[in-house]
Amino acid sequence: MDPANSDEALHEVGLDLDEGADMVMIKPGMPYLDIVRRVKDQFAAPTFVYQVSGEYAMLKAASQNGWLDERSVVLESLLGIKRAGADAILTYFAVDAAAGLNA
């Protein structure tokens, strides 16, 4: 798909749902939060977002270099995905998030 063409993404989601899909998965998550919102608004289908390994690596590396606070930025990125309309988030931060990100 053309990443600049959000209408094409919505068309593909519609085709998947017409074929009987029970849910929709959007990946990568962070660059496509607008698609998440449009899917929820247009189809109201269960929408899962996959925060891919590149997103994980980017946030992890930045925090290890002291450029940002890992706990804050991870929680904010997950919150942003949820606010966009995700019903579930698949993330490499799941174990850390469940443990309170080393609270």
Protein backbone atom coordinates (compact mmCIF):
# COMPACT_ATOMS: atom_id res chain seq x y z
CA MET A 1 0.00 0.00 0.00
CA ASP A 2 1.00 3.57 -0.55
CA PRO A 3 1.70 4.90 2.97
CA ALA A 4 0.55 8.36 1.89
CA ASN A 5 -2.88 7.10 0.78
CA SER A 6 -5.02 6.61 3.88
CA ASP A 7 -8.11 6.03 1.75
CA GLU A 8 -6.45 2.92 0.31
CA ALA A 9 -5.84 1.62 3.82
CA LEU A 10 -9.51 2.10 4.69
CA HIS A 11 -10.53 0.34 1.47
CA GLU A 12 -8.33 -2.64 2.37
CA VAL A 13 -9.78 -2.78 5.88
CA GLY A 14 -13.28 -2.79 4.40
CA LEU A 15 -12.35 -5.70 2.12
CA ASP A 16 -10.90 -7.65 5.04
CA LEU A 17 -14.03 -7.13 7.13
CA ASP A 18 -16.27 -8.04 4.18
CA GLU A 19 -14.31 -11.31 3.90
CA GLY A 20 -15.12 -12.10 7.53
CA ALA A 21 -12.20 -10.72 9.53
CA ASP A 22 -13.01 -10.59 13.23
CA MET A 23 -10.55 -7.81 13.93
CA VAL A 24 -8.15 -5.43 12.26
CA MET A 25 -4.42 -5.13 12.97
CA ILE A 26 -2.55 -1.95 12.16
CA LYS A 27 1.22 -1.99 12.07
CA PRO A 28 3.43 -0.19 12.62
CA GLY A 29 1.48 1.66 15.25
CA MET A 30 2.97 5.07 15.88
CA PRO A 31 3.16 6.33 12.27
CA TYR A 32 -0.42 5.27 11.54
CA LEU A 33 -2.44 6.54 14.49
CA ASP A 34 -4.60 8.50 12.05
CA ILE A 35 -5.52 5.20 10.36
CA VAL A 36 -6.39 3.67 13.74
CA ARG A 37 -8.83 6.52 14.41
CA ARG A 38 -10.37 6.35 10.93
CA VAL A 39 -10.84 2.56 11.21
CA LYS A 40 -12.60 2.96 14.56
CA ASP A 41 -14.77 5.80 13.29
CA GLN A 42 -15.72 4.16 9.99
CA PHE A 43 -15.99 0.46 10.91
CA ALA A 44 -16.18 0.24 14.71
CA ALA A 45 -14.34 -3.07 14.38
CA PRO A 46 -12.03 -4.44 17.07
CA THR A 47 -8.75 -2.73 16.26
CA PHE A 48 -5.37 -4.00 17.39
CA VAL A 49 -2.16 -2.03 17.03
CA TYR A 50 1.27 -3.61 16.81
CA GLN A 51 4.04 -1.39 18.18
CA VAL A 52 6.72 -3.00 16.03
CA SER A 53 10.32 -3.78 16.97
CA GLY A 54 11.61 -0.63 15.27
CA GLU A 55 9.46 1.54 17.51
CA TYR A 56 10.67 -0.42 20.54
CA ALA A 57 14.31 -0.12 19.46
CA MET A 58 13.98 3.62 18.81
CA LEU A 59 12.55 4.35 22.27
CA LYS A 60 14.91 1.92 24.00
CA ALA A 61 18.03 3.38 22.35
CA ALA A 62 17.00 6.95 23.07
CA SER A 63 16.44 6.14 26.73
CA GLN A 64 19.72 4.23 27.01
CA ASN A 65 21.51 7.27 25.60
CA GLY A 66 19.86 9.47 28.22
CA TRP A 67 17.88 11.44 25.65
CA LEU A 68 14.53 10.67 27.26
CA ASP A 69 12.95 9.03 30.27
CA GLU A 70 11.99 5.52 29.20
CA ARG A 71 9.05 5.08 31.56
CA SER A 72 7.46 8.38 30.60
CA VAL A 73 7.89 8.04 26.86
CA VAL A 74 6.74 4.41 26.71
CA LEU A 75 3.63 5.12 28.74
CA GLU A 76 2.92 8.19 26.60
CA SER A 77 3.34 6.22 23.37
CA LEU A 78 1.00 3.48 24.62
CA LEU A 79 -1.52 6.09 25.77
CA GLY A 80 -1.38 7.77 22.35
CA ILE A 81 -2.15 4.46 20.66
CA LYS A 82 -5.05 3.84 23.04
CA ARG A 83 -6.40 7.36 22.53
CA ALA A 84 -6.31 6.83 18.77
CA GLY A 85 -8.80 4.00 19.26
CA ALA A 86 -6.86 0.79 19.77
CA ASP A 87 -8.75 -1.96 21.56
CA ALA A 88 -5.48 -3.80 22.20
CA ILE A 89 -1.79 -3.06 21.78
CA LEU A 90 0.87 -5.62 21.00
CA THR A 91 4.24 -4.26 22.12
CA TYR A 92 7.71 -5.42 23.03
CA PHE A 93 7.30 -3.29 26.15
CA ALA A 94 4.47 -5.56 27.42
CA VAL A 95 6.48 -7.25 30.17
CA ASP A 96 7.93 -3.92 31.36
CA ALA A 97 4.52 -2.20 31.15
CA ALA A 98 2.86 -4.98 33.15
CA ALA A 99 5.52 -4.54 35.82
CA GLY A 100 4.94 -0.79 35.91
CA LEU A 101 7.99 -0.07 33.73
CA ASN A 102 10.31 -0.60 36.64
CA ALA A 103 8.28 1.78 38.79
